Amino acid sequence: LHFQRPDPRVAANVLSISLFRFGDDVRSFLNQCGIDETILGCKTNAFRSSTSRTIRMLGSNAEERLDEVAMLYAAETILAKRLEGDVISAAELQLRATFLARLDREQVFSALDYFFLDPSSQPFV
């Protein structure tokens, strides 16, 4: 079994998304936010360039869900930084800040795919 090496930016996004503190299971959290297999696996450009109005609306919905997850991530980061004590390490704060500053939808959607793959077929964990 041979896997292609993932793009380092996508791998970094997988790691960053894994740092969410909203429950134990990232996949369940994403499902609760409206992100599931039906909107993953497609490039956002494919949604936009589709001639089907339904597909374009699905793509728009996917991007809105991603925006909401990014806002939750940013809010969680800000709250963790402001709380008394060491709720979050300086290294994790830097990683989160980098993730938010370099947010690229295509890369994030590719990263989200890793949370919905069959565990036995994941190129890295």
PDB file of N, CA and C in Angstrom:
ATOM      1  N   LEU A   1       0.853  -1.172   0.000  1.00  0.00           N
ATOM      2  CA  LEU A   1       0.000   0.000   0.000  1.00  0.00           C
ATOM      3  C   LEU A   1       0.897   1.232   0.000  1.00  0.00           C
ATOM      4  N   HIS A   2       0.723   2.108  -0.988  1.00  0.00           N
ATOM      5  CA  HIS A   2       1.568   3.292  -1.115  1.00  0.00           C
ATOM      6  C   HIS A   2       0.679   4.527  -1.223  1.00  0.00           C
ATOM      7  N   PHE A   3       1.002   5.526  -0.424  1.00  0.00           N
ATOM      8  CA  PHE A   3       0.246   6.770  -0.442  1.00  0.00           C
ATOM      9  C   PHE A   3       1.118   7.892  -0.966  1.00  0.00           C
ATOM     10  N   GLN A   4       0.488   8.795  -1.683  1.00  0.00           N
ATOM     11  CA  GLN A   4       1.178   9.993  -2.128  1.00  0.00           C
ATOM     12  C   GLN A   4       1.352  10.910  -0.924  1.00  0.00           C
ATOM     13  N   ARG A   5       2.511  11.526  -0.824  1.00  0.00           N
ATOM     14  CA  ARG A   5       2.778  12.433   0.288  1.00  0.00           C
ATOM     15  C   ARG A   5       1.815  13.616   0.199  1.00  0.00           C
ATOM     16  N   PRO A   6       1.130  13.926   1.312  1.00  0.00           N
ATOM     17  CA  PRO A   6       0.187  15.055   1.271  1.00  0.00           C
ATOM     18  C   PRO A   6       0.921  16.388   1.185  1.00  0.00           C
ATOM     19  N   ASP A   7       0.245  17.357   0.634  1.00  0.00           N
ATOM     20  CA  ASP A   7       0.765  18.720   0.599  1.00  0.00           C
ATOM     21  C   ASP A   7       1.018  19.148   2.045  1.00  0.00           C
ATOM     22  N   PRO A   8       2.193  19.678   2.369  1.00  0.00           N
ATOM     23  CA  PRO A   8       2.491  20.079   3.753  1.00  0.00           C
ATOM     24  C   PRO A   8       1.493  21.088   4.318  1.00  0.00           C
ATOM     25  N   ARG A   9       0.946  21.950   3.468  1.00  0.00           N
ATOM     26  CA  ARG A   9      -0.045  22.922   3.949  1.00  0.00           C
ATOM     27  C   ARG A   9      -1.340  22.226   4.353  1.00  0.00           C
ATOM     28  N   VAL A  10      -1.724  21.212   3.587  1.00  0.00           N
ATOM     29  CA  VAL A  10      -2.920  20.440   3.932  1.00  0.00           C
ATOM     30  C   VAL A  10      -2.675  19.668   5.226  1.00  0.00           C
ATOM     31  N   ALA A  11      -1.494  19.070   5.347  1.00  0.00           N
ATOM     32  CA  ALA A  11      -1.148  18.335   6.573  1.00  0.00           C
ATOM     33  C   ALA A  11      -1.163  19.267   7.786  1.00  0.00           C
ATOM     34  N   ALA A  12      -0.664  20.475   7.621  1.00  0.00           N
ATOM     35  CA  ALA A  12      -0.680  21.453   8.718  1.00  0.00           C
ATOM     36  C   ALA A  12      -2.113  21.815   9.092  1.00  0.00           C
ATOM     37  N   ASN A  13      -2.996  21.909   8.099  1.00  0.00           N
ATOM     38  CA  ASN A  13      -4.401  22.206   8.384  1.00  0.00           C
ATOM     39  C   ASN A  13      -5.077  21.050   9.119  1.00  0.00           C
ATOM     40  N   VAL A  14      -4.722  19.807   8.761  1.00  0.00           N
ATOM     41  CA  VAL A  14      -5.267  18.648   9.480  1.00  0.00           C
ATOM     42  C   VAL A  14      -4.881  18.743  10.949  1.00  0.00           C
ATOM     43  N   LEU A  15      -3.618  19.055  11.201  1.00  0.00           N
ATOM     44  CA  LEU A  15      -3.144  19.202  12.575  1.00  0.00           C
ATOM     45  C   LEU A  15      -3.880  20.335  13.289  1.00  0.00           C
ATOM     46  N   SER A  16      -4.008  21.471  12.640  1.00  0.00           N
ATOM     47  CA  SER A  16      -4.682  22.623  13.256  1.00  0.00           C
ATOM     48  C   SER A  16      -6.135  22.314  13.579  1.00  0.00           C
ATOM     49  N   ILE A  17      -6.828  21.672  12.656  1.00  0.00           N
ATOM     50  CA  ILE A  17      -8.233  21.331  12.877  1.00  0.00           C
ATOM     51  C   ILE A  17      -8.356  20.334  14.031  1.00  0.00           C
ATOM     52  N   SER A  18      -7.361  19.464  14.174  1.00  0.00           N
ATOM     53  CA  SER A  18      -7.368  18.479  15.262  1.00  0.00           C
ATOM     54  C   SER A  18      -7.288  19.130  16.632  1.00  0.00           C
ATOM     55  N   LEU A  19      -6.849  20.376  16.696  1.00  0.00           N
ATOM     56  CA  LEU A  19      -6.691  21.063  17.976  1.00  0.00           C
ATOM     57  C   LEU A  19      -7.997  21.635  18.528  1.00  0.00           C
ATOM     58  N   PHE A  20      -9.092  21.523  17.771  1.00  0.00           N
ATOM     59  CA  PHE A  20     -10.374  21.995  18.291  1.00  0.00           C
ATOM     60  C   PHE A  20     -10.654  21.361  19.637  1.00  0.00           C
ATOM     61  N   ARG A  21     -11.241  22.105  20.521  1.00  0.00           N
ATOM     62  CA  ARG A  21     -11.568  21.598  21.850  1.00  0.00           C
ATOM     63  C   ARG A  21     -13.076  21.319  21.992  1.00  0.00           C
ATOM     64  N   PHE A  22     -13.800  21.333  20.896  1.00  0.00           N
ATOM     65  CA  PHE A  22     -15.246  21.111  20.935  1.00  0.00           C
ATOM     66  C   PHE A  22     -15.547  19.615  20.903  1.00  0.00           C
ATOM     67  N   GLY A  23     -15.391  18.945  22.031  1.00  0.00           N
ATOM     68  CA  GLY A  23     -15.678  17.516  22.110  1.00  0.00           C
ATOM     69  C   GLY A  23     -14.465  16.678  21.755  1.00  0.00           C
ATOM     70  N   ASP A  24     -14.685  15.387  21.736  1.00  0.00           N
ATOM     71  CA  ASP A  24     -13.582  14.454  21.533  1.00  0.00           C
ATOM     72  C   ASP A  24     -13.355  14.105  20.072  1.00  0.00           C
ATOM     73  N   ASP A  25     -14.393  14.110  19.291  1.00  0.00           N
ATOM     74  CA  ASP A  25     -14.334  13.584  17.937  1.00  0.00           C
ATOM     75  C   ASP A  25     -14.519  14.711  16.917  1.00  0.00           C
ATOM     76  N   VAL A  26     -13.482  14.991  16.157  1.00  0.00           N
ATOM     77  CA  VAL A  26     -13.533  16.075  15.168  1.00  0.00           C
ATOM     78  C   VAL A  26     -14.616  15.801  14.134  1.00  0.00           C
ATOM     79  N   ARG A  27     -14.717  14.554  13.704  1.00  0.00           N
ATOM     80  CA  ARG A  27     -15.707  14.214  12.683  1.00  0.00           C
ATOM     81  C   ARG A  27     -17.135  14.510  13.168  1.00  0.00           C
ATOM     82  N   SER A  28     -17.447  14.140  14.406  1.00  0.00           N
ATOM     83  CA  SER A  28     -18.783  14.421  14.958  1.00  0.00           C
ATOM     84  C   SER A  28     -19.029  15.921  15.037  1.00  0.00           C
ATOM     85  N   PHE A  29     -18.014  16.661  15.465  1.00  0.00           N
ATOM     86  CA  PHE A  29     -18.136  18.118  15.536  1.00  0.00           C
ATOM     87  C   PHE A  29     -18.422  18.701  14.153  1.00  0.00           C
ATOM     88  N   LEU A  30     -17.676  18.250  13.146  1.00  0.00           N
ATOM     89  CA  LEU A  30     -17.882  18.753  11.788  1.00  0.00           C
ATOM     90  C   LEU A  30     -19.280  18.403  11.287  1.00  0.00           C
ATOM     91  N   ASN A  31     -19.742  17.192  11.581  1.00  0.00           N
ATOM     92  CA  ASN A  31     -21.105  16.807  11.194  1.00  0.00           C
ATOM     93  C   ASN A  31     -22.137  17.721  11.838  1.00  0.00           C
ATOM     94  N   GLN A  32     -21.939  18.051  13.118  1.00  0.00           N
ATOM     95  CA  GLN A  32     -22.872  18.939  13.810  1.00  0.00           C
ATOM     96  C   GLN A  32     -22.861  20.342  13.206  1.00  0.00           C
ATOM     97  N   CYS A  33     -21.742  20.723  12.604  1.00  0.00           N
ATOM     98  CA  CYS A  33     -21.630  22.040  11.954  1.00  0.00           C
ATOM     99  C   CYS A  33     -22.161  22.020  10.528  1.00  0.00           C
ATOM    100  N   GLY A  34     -22.604  20.856  10.056  1.00  0.00           N
ATOM    101  CA  GLY A  34     -23.142  20.750   8.707  1.00  0.00           C
ATOM    102  C   GLY A  34     -22.114  20.400   7.658  1.00  0.00           C
ATOM    103  N   ILE A  35     -20.943  19.950   8.092  1.00  0.00           N
ATOM    104  CA  ILE A  35     -19.898  19.543   7.151  1.00  0.00           C
ATOM    105  C   ILE A  35     -19.817  18.028   7.192  1.00  0.00           C
ATOM    106  N   ASP A  36     -20.126  17.399   6.054  1.00  0.00           N
ATOM    107  CA  ASP A  36     -20.049  15.943   5.991  1.00  0.00           C
ATOM    108  C   ASP A  36     -19.546  15.512   4.624  1.00  0.00           C
ATOM    109  N   GLU A  37     -19.600  14.196   4.378  1.00  0.00           N
ATOM    110  CA  GLU A  37     -19.051  13.658   3.136  1.00  0.00           C
ATOM    111  C   GLU A  37     -19.708  14.214   1.877  1.00  0.00           C
ATOM    112  N   THR A  38     -20.952  14.687   1.985  1.00  0.00           N
ATOM    113  CA  THR A  38     -21.643  15.170   0.788  1.00  0.00           C
ATOM    114  C   THR A  38     -21.026  16.442   0.226  1.00  0.00           C
ATOM    115  N   ILE A  39     -20.347  17.221   1.062  1.00  0.00           N
ATOM    116  CA  ILE A  39     -19.752  18.460   0.563  1.00  0.00           C
ATOM    117  C   ILE A  39     -18.238  18.377   0.466  1.00  0.00           C
ATOM    118  N   LEU A  40     -17.680  17.264   0.902  1.00  0.00           N
ATOM    119  CA  LEU A  40     -16.231  17.113   0.825  1.00  0.00           C
ATOM    120  C   LEU A  40     -15.866  16.316  -0.414  1.00  0.00           C
ATOM    121  N   GLY A  41     -14.634  16.400  -0.807  1.00  0.00           N
ATOM    122  CA  GLY A  41     -14.172  15.662  -1.969  1.00  0.00           C
ATOM    123  C   GLY A  41     -14.308  16.441  -3.266  1.00  0.00           C
ATOM    124  N   CYS A  42     -15.001  17.553  -3.230  1.00  0.00           N
ATOM    125  CA  CYS A  42     -15.132  18.409  -4.410  1.00  0.00           C
ATOM    126  C   CYS A  42     -14.338  19.683  -4.173  1.00  0.00           C
ATOM    127  N   LYS A  43     -13.776  20.188  -5.210  1.00  0.00           N
ATOM    128  CA  LYS A  43     -13.070  21.463  -5.122  1.00  0.00           C
ATOM    129  C   LYS A  43     -14.101  22.586  -5.141  1.00  0.00           C
ATOM    130  N   THR A  44     -13.816  23.655  -4.403  1.00  0.00           N
ATOM    131  CA  THR A  44     -14.772  24.762  -4.356  1.00  0.00           C
ATOM    132  C   THR A  44     -14.962  25.375  -5.739  1.00  0.00           C
ATOM    133  N   ASN A  45     -13.939  25.355  -6.575  1.00  0.00           N
ATOM    134  CA  ASN A  45     -14.078  25.877  -7.942  1.00  0.00           C
ATOM    135  C   ASN A  45     -15.076  25.046  -8.745  1.00  0.00           C
ATOM    136  N   ALA A  46     -15.121  23.738  -8.479  1.00  0.00           N
ATOM    137  CA  ALA A  46     -16.071  22.871  -9.179  1.00  0.00           C
ATOM    138  C   ALA A  46     -17.500  23.248  -8.811  1.00  0.00           C
ATOM    139  N   PHE A  47     -17.721  23.615  -7.566  1.00  0.00           N
ATOM    140  CA  PHE A  47     -19.053  24.059  -7.149  1.00  0.00           C
ATOM    141  C   PHE A  47     -19.430  25.341  -7.883  1.00  0.00           C
ATOM    142  N   ARG A  48     -18.503  26.291  -7.912  1.00  0.00           N
ATOM    143  CA  ARG A  48     -18.799  27.601  -8.505  1.00  0.00           C
ATOM    144  C   ARG A  48     -19.017  27.530 -10.013  1.00  0.00           C
ATOM    145  N   SER A  49     -18.276  26.654 -10.681  1.00  0.00           N
ATOM    146  CA  SER A  49     -18.355  26.604 -12.140  1.00  0.00           C
ATOM    147  C   SER A  49     -19.437  25.654 -12.646  1.00  0.00           C
ATOM    148  N   SER A  50     -20.133  24.994 -11.754  1.00  0.00           N
ATOM    149  CA  SER A  50     -21.176  24.057 -12.158  1.00  0.00           C
ATOM    150  C   SER A  50     -22.325  24.803 -12.834  1.00  0.00           C
ATOM    151  N   THR A  51     -22.938  24.139 -13.796  1.00  0.00           N
ATOM    152  CA  THR A  51     -24.110  24.721 -14.452  1.00  0.00           C
ATOM    153  C   THR A  51     -25.380  24.432 -13.656  1.00  0.00           C
ATOM    154  N   SER A  52     -25.279  23.534 -12.693  1.00  0.00           N
ATOM    155  CA  SER A  52     -26.428  23.182 -11.868  1.00  0.00           C
ATOM    156  C   SER A  52     -26.581  24.178 -10.717  1.00  0.00           C
ATOM    157  N   ARG A  53     -27.744  24.767 -10.638  1.00  0.00           N
ATOM    158  CA  ARG A  53     -28.009  25.723  -9.552  1.00  0.00           C
ATOM    159  C   ARG A  53     -27.926  25.019  -8.195  1.00  0.00           C
ATOM    160  N   THR A  54     -28.401  23.788  -8.124  1.00  0.00           N
ATOM    161  CA  THR A  54     -28.369  23.024  -6.874  1.00  0.00           C
ATOM    162  C   THR A  54     -26.934  22.795  -6.418  1.00  0.00           C
ATOM    163  N   ILE A  55     -26.056  22.437  -7.343  1.00  0.00           N
ATOM    164  CA  ILE A  55     -24.644  22.206  -7.007  1.00  0.00           C
ATOM    165  C   ILE A  55     -23.997  23.509  -6.544  1.00  0.00           C
ATOM    166  N   ARG A  56     -24.292  24.612  -7.227  1.00  0.00           N
ATOM    167  CA  ARG A  56     -23.736  25.907  -6.804  1.00  0.00           C
ATOM    168  C   ARG A  56     -24.223  26.275  -5.403  1.00  0.00           C
ATOM    169  N   MET A  57     -25.501  26.019  -5.115  1.00  0.00           N
ATOM    170  CA  MET A  57     -26.043  26.306  -3.783  1.00  0.00           C
ATOM    171  C   MET A  57     -25.391  25.409  -2.730  1.00  0.00           C
ATOM    172  N   LEU A  58     -25.148  24.150  -3.073  1.00  0.00           N
ATOM    173  CA  LEU A  58     -24.468  23.236  -2.157  1.00  0.00           C
ATOM    174  C   LEU A  58     -23.059  23.744  -1.860  1.00  0.00           C
ATOM    175  N   GLY A  59     -22.365  24.221  -2.887  1.00  0.00           N
ATOM    176  CA  GLY A  59     -21.026  24.789  -2.699  1.00  0.00           C
ATOM    177  C   GLY A  59     -21.050  26.031  -1.831  1.00  0.00           C
ATOM    178  N   SER A  60     -22.025  26.881  -2.061  1.00  0.00           N
ATOM    179  CA  SER A  60     -22.158  28.089  -1.247  1.00  0.00           C
ATOM    180  C   SER A  60     -22.435  27.724   0.208  1.00  0.00           C
ATOM    181  N   ASN A  61     -23.282  26.729   0.409  1.00  0.00           N
ATOM    182  CA  ASN A  61     -23.588  26.252   1.757  1.00  0.00           C
ATOM    183  C   ASN A  61     -22.325  25.691   2.421  1.00  0.00           C
ATOM    184  N   ALA A  62     -21.533  24.948   1.671  1.00  0.00           N
ATOM    185  CA  ALA A  62     -20.294  24.378   2.214  1.00  0.00           C
ATOM    186  C   ALA A  62     -19.338  25.484   2.649  1.00  0.00           C
ATOM    187  N   GLU A  63     -19.220  26.516   1.838  1.00  0.00           N
ATOM    188  CA  GLU A  63     -18.334  27.627   2.185  1.00  0.00           C
ATOM    189  C   GLU A  63     -18.846  28.382   3.413  1.00  0.00           C
ATOM    190  N   GLU A  64     -20.155  28.535   3.527  1.00  0.00           N
ATOM    191  CA  GLU A  64     -20.724  29.182   4.718  1.00  0.00           C
ATOM    192  C   GLU A  64     -20.429  28.363   5.967  1.00  0.00           C
ATOM    193  N   ARG A  65     -20.570  27.037   5.872  1.00  0.00           N
ATOM    194  CA  ARG A  65     -20.266  26.165   7.023  1.00  0.00           C
ATOM    195  C   ARG A  65     -18.792  26.286   7.403  1.00  0.00           C
ATOM    196  N   LEU A  66     -17.928  26.333   6.402  1.00  0.00           N
ATOM    197  CA  LEU A  66     -16.495  26.476   6.668  1.00  0.00           C
ATOM    198  C   LEU A  66     -16.212  27.812   7.350  1.00  0.00           C
ATOM    199  N   ASP A  67     -16.864  28.881   6.903  1.00  0.00           N
ATOM    200  CA  ASP A  67     -16.704  30.191   7.548  1.00  0.00           C
ATOM    201  C   ASP A  67     -17.126  30.131   9.014  1.00  0.00           C
ATOM    202  N   GLU A  68     -18.235  29.445   9.287  1.00  0.00           N
ATOM    203  CA  GLU A  68     -18.715  29.331  10.667  1.00  0.00           C
ATOM    204  C   GLU A  68     -17.734  28.548  11.536  1.00  0.00           C
ATOM    205  N   VAL A  69     -17.183  27.469  11.000  1.00  0.00           N
ATOM    206  CA  VAL A  69     -16.197  26.683  11.752  1.00  0.00           C
ATOM    207  C   VAL A  69     -14.951  27.527  12.007  1.00  0.00           C
ATOM    208  N   ALA A  70     -14.510  28.286  11.017  1.00  0.00           N
ATOM    209  CA  ALA A  70     -13.334  29.150  11.195  1.00  0.00           C
ATOM    210  C   ALA A  70     -13.606  30.217  12.257  1.00  0.00           C
ATOM    211  N   MET A  71     -14.824  30.759  12.280  1.00  0.00           N
ATOM    212  CA  MET A  71     -15.166  31.754  13.308  1.00  0.00           C
ATOM    213  C   MET A  71     -15.171  31.128  14.700  1.00  0.00           C
ATOM    214  N   LEU A  72     -15.689  29.903  14.815  1.00  0.00           N
ATOM    215  CA  LEU A  72     -15.651  29.202  16.101  1.00  0.00           C
ATOM    216  C   LEU A  72     -14.211  28.970  16.545  1.00  0.00           C
ATOM    217  N   TYR A  73     -13.383  28.569  15.606  1.00  0.00           N
ATOM    218  CA  TYR A  73     -11.967  28.312  15.891  1.00  0.00           C
ATOM    219  C   TYR A  73     -11.286  29.596  16.367  1.00  0.00           C
ATOM    220  N   ALA A  74     -11.566  30.700  15.686  1.00  0.00           N
ATOM    221  CA  ALA A  74     -10.981  31.988  16.080  1.00  0.00           C
ATOM    222  C   ALA A  74     -11.484  32.411  17.458  1.00  0.00           C
ATOM    223  N   ALA A  75     -12.781  32.261  17.698  1.00  0.00           N
ATOM    224  CA  ALA A  75     -13.344  32.635  19.000  1.00  0.00           C
ATOM    225  C   ALA A  75     -12.746  31.790  20.117  1.00  0.00           C
ATOM    226  N   GLU A  76     -12.613  30.489  19.871  1.00  0.00           N
ATOM    227  CA  GLU A  76     -12.019  29.606  20.872  1.00  0.00           C
ATOM    228  C   GLU A  76     -10.576  30.010  21.161  1.00  0.00           C
ATOM    229  N   THR A  77      -9.846  30.375  20.129  1.00  0.00           N
ATOM    230  CA  THR A  77      -8.452  30.794  20.288  1.00  0.00           C
ATOM    231  C   THR A  77      -8.366  32.077  21.110  1.00  0.00           C
ATOM    232  N   ILE A  78      -9.212  33.046  20.796  1.00  0.00           N
ATOM    233  CA  ILE A  78      -9.212  34.319  21.532  1.00  0.00           C
ATOM    234  C   ILE A  78      -9.571  34.089  22.995  1.00  0.00           C
ATOM    235  N   LEU A  79     -10.608  33.289  23.244  1.00  0.00           N
ATOM    236  CA  LEU A  79     -11.008  33.005  24.626  1.00  0.00           C
ATOM    237  C   LEU A  79      -9.906  32.287  25.392  1.00  0.00           C
ATOM    238  N   ALA A  80      -9.285  31.308  24.763  1.00  0.00           N
ATOM    239  CA  ALA A  80      -8.218  30.558  25.433  1.00  0.00           C
ATOM    240  C   ALA A  80      -7.045  31.469  25.778  1.00  0.00           C
ATOM    241  N   LYS A  81      -6.764  32.417  24.898  1.00  0.00           N
ATOM    242  CA  LYS A  81      -5.655  33.347  25.149  1.00  0.00           C
ATOM    243  C   LYS A  81      -5.986  34.295  26.302  1.00  0.00           C
ATOM    244  N   ARG A  82      -7.247  34.694  26.416  1.00  0.00           N
ATOM    245  CA  ARG A  82      -7.657  35.672  27.424  1.00  0.00           C
ATOM    246  C   ARG A  82      -7.889  35.068  28.813  1.00  0.00           C
ATOM    247  N   LEU A  83      -8.134  33.763  28.880  1.00  0.00           N
ATOM    248  CA  LEU A  83      -8.410  33.133  30.170  1.00  0.00           C
ATOM    249  C   LEU A  83      -7.169  33.118  31.046  1.00  0.00           C
ATOM    250  N   GLU A  84      -7.396  33.188  32.342  1.00  0.00           N
ATOM    251  CA  GLU A  84      -6.289  33.135  33.302  1.00  0.00           C
ATOM    252  C   GLU A  84      -5.645  31.750  33.251  1.00  0.00           C
ATOM    253  N   GLY A  85      -4.354  31.704  33.439  1.00  0.00           N
ATOM    254  CA  GLY A  85      -3.652  30.424  33.469  1.00  0.00           C
ATOM    255  C   GLY A  85      -3.205  29.999  32.081  1.00  0.00           C
ATOM    256  N   ASP A  86      -2.630  28.837  32.043  1.00  0.00           N
ATOM    257  CA  ASP A  86      -2.112  28.308  30.780  1.00  0.00           C
ATOM    258  C   ASP A  86      -3.110  27.339  30.158  1.00  0.00           C
ATOM    259  N   VAL A  87      -4.197  27.875  29.641  1.00  0.00           N
ATOM    260  CA  VAL A  87      -5.210  27.061  28.985  1.00  0.00           C
ATOM    261  C   VAL A  87      -4.679  26.549  27.652  1.00  0.00           C
ATOM    262  N   ILE A  88      -3.848  27.353  27.029  1.00  0.00           N
ATOM    263  CA  ILE A  88      -3.314  27.027  25.710  1.00  0.00           C
ATOM    264  C   ILE A  88      -1.849  27.465  25.677  1.00  0.00           C
ATOM    265  N   SER A  89      -1.011  26.642  25.089  1.00  0.00           N
ATOM    266  CA  SER A  89       0.418  26.962  25.058  1.00  0.00           C
ATOM    267  C   SER A  89       0.711  28.034  24.012  1.00  0.00           C
ATOM    268  N   ALA A  90       1.849  28.675  24.165  1.00  0.00           N
ATOM    269  CA  ALA A  90       2.271  29.695  23.193  1.00  0.00           C
ATOM    270  C   ALA A  90       2.454  29.066  21.814  1.00  0.00           C
ATOM    271  N   ALA A  91       2.956  27.835  21.779  1.00  0.00           N
ATOM    272  CA  ALA A  91       3.157  27.147  20.495  1.00  0.00           C
ATOM    273  C   ALA A  91       1.822  26.886  19.800  1.00  0.00           C
ATOM    274  N   GLU A  92       0.825  26.452  20.570  1.00  0.00           N
ATOM    275  CA  GLU A  92      -0.486  26.205  19.970  1.00  0.00           C
ATOM    276  C   GLU A  92      -1.133  27.507  19.518  1.00  0.00           C
ATOM    277  N   LEU A  93      -0.981  28.564  20.296  1.00  0.00           N
ATOM    278  CA  LEU A  93      -1.501  29.871  19.876  1.00  0.00           C
ATOM    279  C   LEU A  93      -0.889  30.298  18.548  1.00  0.00           C
ATOM    280  N   GLN A  94       0.414  30.100  18.405  1.00  0.00           N
ATOM    281  CA  GLN A  94       1.092  30.462  17.162  1.00  0.00           C
ATOM    282  C   GLN A  94       0.588  29.611  16.001  1.00  0.00           C
ATOM    283  N   LEU A  95       0.411  28.314  16.242  1.00  0.00           N
ATOM    284  CA  LEU A  95      -0.093  27.421  15.203  1.00  0.00           C
ATOM    285  C   LEU A  95      -1.494  27.839  14.763  1.00  0.00           C
ATOM    286  N   ARG A  96      -2.340  28.152  15.732  1.00  0.00           N
ATOM    287  CA  ARG A  96      -3.700  28.588  15.413  1.00  0.00           C
ATOM    288  C   ARG A  96      -3.692  29.919  14.658  1.00  0.00           C
ATOM    289  N   ALA A  97      -2.858  30.852  15.088  1.00  0.00           N
ATOM    290  CA  ALA A  97      -2.769  32.153  14.414  1.00  0.00           C
ATOM    291  C   ALA A  97      -2.313  31.973  12.971  1.00  0.00           C
ATOM    292  N   THR A  98      -1.354  31.096  12.764  1.00  0.00           N
ATOM    293  CA  THR A  98      -0.863  30.822  11.407  1.00  0.00           C
ATOM    294  C   THR A  98      -1.969  30.210  10.560  1.00  0.00           C
ATOM    295  N   PHE A  99      -2.700  29.253  11.123  1.00  0.00           N
ATOM    296  CA  PHE A  99      -3.810  28.614  10.415  1.00  0.00           C
ATOM    297  C   PHE A  99      -4.838  29.655   9.981  1.00  0.00           C
ATOM    298  N   LEU A 100      -5.222  30.525  10.908  1.00  0.00           N
ATOM    299  CA  LEU A 100      -6.241  31.529  10.603  1.00  0.00           C
ATOM    300  C   LEU A 100      -5.737  32.572   9.610  1.00  0.00           C
ATOM    301  N   ALA A 101      -4.463  32.933   9.698  1.00  0.00           N
ATOM    302  CA  ALA A 101      -3.901  33.943   8.797  1.00  0.00           C
ATOM    303  C   ALA A 101      -3.765  33.419   7.371  1.00  0.00           C
ATOM    304  N   ARG A 102      -3.554  32.126   7.233  1.00  0.00           N
ATOM    305  CA  ARG A 102      -3.311  31.533   5.908  1.00  0.00           C
ATOM    306  C   ARG A 102      -4.469  30.678   5.430  1.00  0.00           C
ATOM    307  N   LEU A 103      -5.644  30.947   5.909  1.00  0.00           N
ATOM    308  CA  LEU A 103      -6.815  30.139   5.584  1.00  0.00           C
ATOM    309  C   LEU A 103      -7.043  30.115   4.077  1.00  0.00           C
ATOM    310  N   ASP A 104      -6.932  28.945   3.497  1.00  0.00           N
ATOM    311  CA  ASP A 104      -7.165  28.728   2.072  1.00  0.00           C
ATOM    312  C   ASP A 104      -8.248  27.656   1.960  1.00  0.00           C
ATOM    313  N   ARG A 105      -9.374  28.015   1.384  1.00  0.00           N
ATOM    314  CA  ARG A 105     -10.522  27.100   1.344  1.00  0.00           C
ATOM    315  C   ARG A 105     -10.190  25.749   0.721  1.00  0.00           C
ATOM    316  N   GLU A 106      -9.507  25.751  -0.406  1.00  0.00           N
ATOM    317  CA  GLU A 106      -9.178  24.485  -1.078  1.00  0.00           C
ATOM    318  C   GLU A 106      -8.367  23.585  -0.163  1.00  0.00           C
ATOM    319  N   GLN A 107      -7.372  24.157   0.501  1.00  0.00           N
ATOM    320  CA  GLN A 107      -6.522  23.366   1.389  1.00  0.00           C
ATOM    321  C   GLN A 107      -7.295  22.884   2.611  1.00  0.00           C
ATOM    322  N   VAL A 108      -8.168  23.724   3.149  1.00  0.00           N
ATOM    323  CA  VAL A 108      -8.944  23.321   4.325  1.00  0.00           C
ATOM    324  C   VAL A 108      -9.934  22.223   3.953  1.00  0.00           C
ATOM    325  N   PHE A 109     -10.604  22.349   2.806  1.00  0.00           N
ATOM    326  CA  PHE A 109     -11.513  21.282   2.384  1.00  0.00           C
ATOM    327  C   PHE A 109     -10.743  19.982   2.168  1.00  0.00           C
ATOM    328  N   SER A 110      -9.545  20.063   1.598  1.00  0.00           N
ATOM    329  CA  SER A 110      -8.714  18.861   1.442  1.00  0.00           C
ATOM    330  C   SER A 110      -8.349  18.282   2.798  1.00  0.00           C
ATOM    331  N   ALA A 111      -8.053  19.156   3.752  1.00  0.00           N
ATOM    332  CA  ALA A 111      -7.718  18.696   5.107  1.00  0.00           C
ATOM    333  C   ALA A 111      -8.928  18.035   5.764  1.00  0.00           C
ATOM    334  N   LEU A 112     -10.114  18.598   5.570  1.00  0.00           N
ATOM    335  CA  LEU A 112     -11.317  18.029   6.180  1.00  0.00           C
ATOM    336  C   LEU A 112     -11.598  16.627   5.656  1.00  0.00           C
ATOM    337  N   ASP A 113     -11.208  16.365   4.408  1.00  0.00           N
ATOM    338  CA  ASP A 113     -11.390  15.025   3.843  1.00  0.00           C
ATOM    339  C   ASP A 113     -10.748  13.953   4.723  1.00  0.00           C
ATOM    340  N   TYR A 114      -9.623  14.268   5.343  1.00  0.00           N
ATOM    341  CA  TYR A 114      -8.909  13.279   6.151  1.00  0.00           C
ATOM    342  C   TYR A 114      -9.727  12.808   7.346  1.00  0.00           C
ATOM    343  N   PHE A 115     -10.653  13.617   7.817  1.00  0.00           N
ATOM    344  CA  PHE A 115     -11.467  13.225   8.962  1.00  0.00           C
ATOM    345  C   PHE A 115     -12.626  12.323   8.561  1.00  0.00           C
ATOM    346  N   PHE A 116     -12.843  12.175   7.250  1.00  0.00           N
ATOM    347  CA  PHE A 116     -13.942  11.349   6.769  1.00  0.00           C
ATOM    348  C   PHE A 116     -13.472  10.127   5.994  1.00  0.00           C
ATOM    349  N   LEU A 117     -12.160   9.950   5.861  1.00  0.00           N
ATOM    350  CA  LEU A 117     -11.620   8.766   5.202  1.00  0.00           C
ATOM    351  C   LEU A 117     -11.772   7.551   6.103  1.00  0.00           C
ATOM    352  N   ASP A 118     -11.802   6.389   5.485  1.00  0.00           N
ATOM    353  CA  ASP A 118     -11.748   5.143   6.238  1.00  0.00           C
ATOM    354  C   ASP A 118     -10.408   5.119   6.971  1.00  0.00           C
ATOM    355  N   PRO A 119     -10.399   4.888   8.295  1.00  0.00           N
ATOM    356  CA  PRO A 119      -9.144   4.946   9.061  1.00  0.00           C
ATOM    357  C   PRO A 119      -8.032   4.061   8.505  1.00  0.00           C
ATOM    358  N   SER A 120      -8.386   2.945   7.891  1.00  0.00           N
ATOM    359  CA  SER A 120      -7.346   2.058   7.363  1.00  0.00           C
ATOM    360  C   SER A 120      -6.716   2.590   6.083  1.00  0.00           C
ATOM    361  N   SER A 121      -7.327   3.608   5.475  1.00  0.00           N
ATOM    362  CA  SER A 121      -6.790   4.146   4.219  1.00  0.00           C
ATOM    363  C   SER A 121      -6.161   5.521   4.373  1.00  0.00           C
ATOM    364  N   GLN A 122      -6.025   6.013   5.608  1.00  0.00           N
ATOM    365  CA  GLN A 122      -5.470   7.343   5.811  1.00  0.00           C
ATOM    366  C   GLN A 122      -3.963   7.332   5.608  1.00  0.00           C
ATOM    367  N   PRO A 123      -3.442   8.285   4.828  1.00  0.00           N
ATOM    368  CA  PRO A 123      -2.009   8.351   4.576  1.00  0.00           C
ATOM    369  C   PRO A 123      -1.202   8.773   5.793  1.00  0.00           C
ATOM    370  N   PHE A 124      -1.805   9.503   6.705  1.00  0.00           N
ATOM    371  CA  PHE A 124      -1.129   9.860   7.951  1.00  0.00           C
ATOM    372  C   PHE A 124      -2.180  10.085   9.018  1.00  0.00           C
ATOM    373  N   VAL A 125      -1.802   9.891  10.225  1.00  0.00           N
ATOM    374  CA  VAL A 125      -2.742  10.073  11.335  1.00  0.00           C
ATOM    375  C   VAL A 125      -2.086  10.923  12.381  1.00  0.00           C
TER     376      VAL A 125
END
